[in-house]
Amino acid sequence: MKKIEILKKAVTTVVGIGTAKIIREIIMNNVDTEAVTSKVTVMAASAAIGGAVSELTKQYTDTQIDQFACFIQKIKDRKNAEVNED
């Protein structure tokens, strides 16, 4: 596995855990779940929302990492070109 893929996986995991916690806390603090049916439906909706948001944050963080890696590669290429000119 490439280093960039390992980095993406690590960032996705950390962001996913944070995202899930934020969503869970928002729901727990704003939704009344006294009835059993409410608990079940809210848990199911929470999982669906968490999954959707996690997918979006994964796409976002992967794109940001790719752009940063491209930027670093351009700097390396420019430095190598300058060294080869000398």
Protein backbone atom coordinates (compact mmCIF):
# COMPACT_ATOMS: atom_id res chain seq x y z
CA MET A 1 0.00 0.00 0.00
CA LYS A 2 1.31 3.43 -0.93
CA LYS A 3 2.11 5.95 1.77
CA ILE A 4 -0.56 8.30 0.42
CA GLU A 5 -3.21 5.59 0.74
CA ILE A 6 -2.17 4.89 4.33
CA LEU A 7 -2.42 8.60 5.10
CA LYS A 8 -5.87 8.79 3.51
CA LYS A 9 -7.07 5.80 5.52
CA ALA A 10 -5.76 7.29 8.78
CA VAL A 11 -7.32 10.70 8.11
CA THR A 12 -10.62 9.14 7.03
CA THR A 13 -10.73 7.06 10.22
CA VAL A 14 -10.05 10.01 12.51
CA VAL A 15 -12.51 12.27 10.71
CA GLY A 16 -15.12 9.49 10.61
CA ILE A 17 -14.90 8.93 14.37
CA GLY A 18 -15.23 12.65 15.01
CA THR A 19 -18.13 12.97 12.59
CA ALA A 20 -20.00 10.07 14.18
CA LYS A 21 -19.54 11.57 17.64
CA ILE A 22 -20.75 15.00 16.54
CA ILE A 23 -23.85 13.55 14.88
CA ARG A 24 -24.61 11.31 17.86
CA GLU A 25 -24.29 14.25 20.30
CA ILE A 26 -26.48 16.52 18.17
CA ILE A 27 -29.19 13.88 18.00
CA MET A 28 -28.96 12.95 21.69
CA ASN A 29 -29.28 16.60 22.72
CA ASN A 30 -32.12 17.48 20.36
CA VAL A 31 -34.33 14.44 19.84
CA ASP A 32 -36.72 12.97 22.41
CA THR A 33 -36.40 9.17 22.38
CA GLU A 34 -38.49 8.01 25.34
CA ALA A 35 -40.58 5.51 23.35
CA VAL A 36 -38.99 2.31 22.07
CA THR A 37 -40.09 3.04 18.52
CA SER A 38 -38.47 6.47 18.70
CA LYS A 39 -35.22 4.94 19.93
CA VAL A 40 -35.16 2.43 17.07
CA THR A 41 -36.05 4.91 14.34
CA VAL A 42 -33.68 7.57 15.65
CA MET A 43 -30.83 5.05 15.89
CA ALA A 44 -31.49 3.90 12.31
CA ALA A 45 -31.66 7.48 11.02
CA SER A 46 -28.53 8.37 12.97
CA ALA A 47 -26.64 5.50 11.35
CA ALA A 48 -27.83 6.54 7.88
CA ILE A 49 -26.92 10.19 8.45
CA GLY A 50 -23.55 9.18 9.90
CA GLY A 51 -22.82 6.99 6.88
CA ALA A 52 -23.76 9.68 4.39
CA VAL A 53 -21.77 12.38 6.15
CA SER A 54 -18.78 10.06 6.58
CA GLU A 55 -18.76 9.34 2.84
CA LEU A 56 -18.79 13.07 2.07
CA THR A 57 -16.01 13.81 4.55
CA LYS A 58 -13.96 10.93 3.07
CA GLN A 59 -14.34 12.37 -0.42
CA TYR A 60 -13.39 15.83 0.86
CA THR A 61 -10.33 14.73 2.84
CA ASP A 62 -9.12 12.45 0.02
CA THR A 63 -9.36 15.37 -2.44
CA GLN A 64 -7.48 17.68 -0.08
CA ILE A 65 -4.72 15.11 0.44
CA ASP A 66 -4.44 14.51 -3.32
CA GLN A 67 -4.18 18.25 -3.99
CA PHE A 68 -1.52 18.65 -1.30
CA ALA A 69 0.46 15.68 -2.65
CA CYS A 70 0.29 17.17 -6.17
CA PHE A 71 1.51 20.51 -4.83
CA ILE A 72 4.46 18.84 -3.08
CA GLN A 73 5.28 16.86 -6.25
CA LYS A 74 5.33 20.06 -8.31
CA ILE A 75 7.77 21.62 -5.85
CA LYS A 76 10.00 18.51 -6.02
CA ASP A 77 9.87 18.48 -9.83
CA ARG A 78 10.77 22.17 -9.98
CA LYS A 79 13.72 21.66 -7.62
CA ASN A 80 14.93 18.66 -9.63
CA ALA A 81 14.69 20.68 -12.85
CA GLU A 82 16.74 23.46 -11.29
CA VAL A 83 19.41 21.00 -10.10
CA ASN A 84 19.60 19.35 -13.52
CA GLU A 85 20.06 22.74 -15.22
CA ASP A 86 23.24 23.39 -13.24
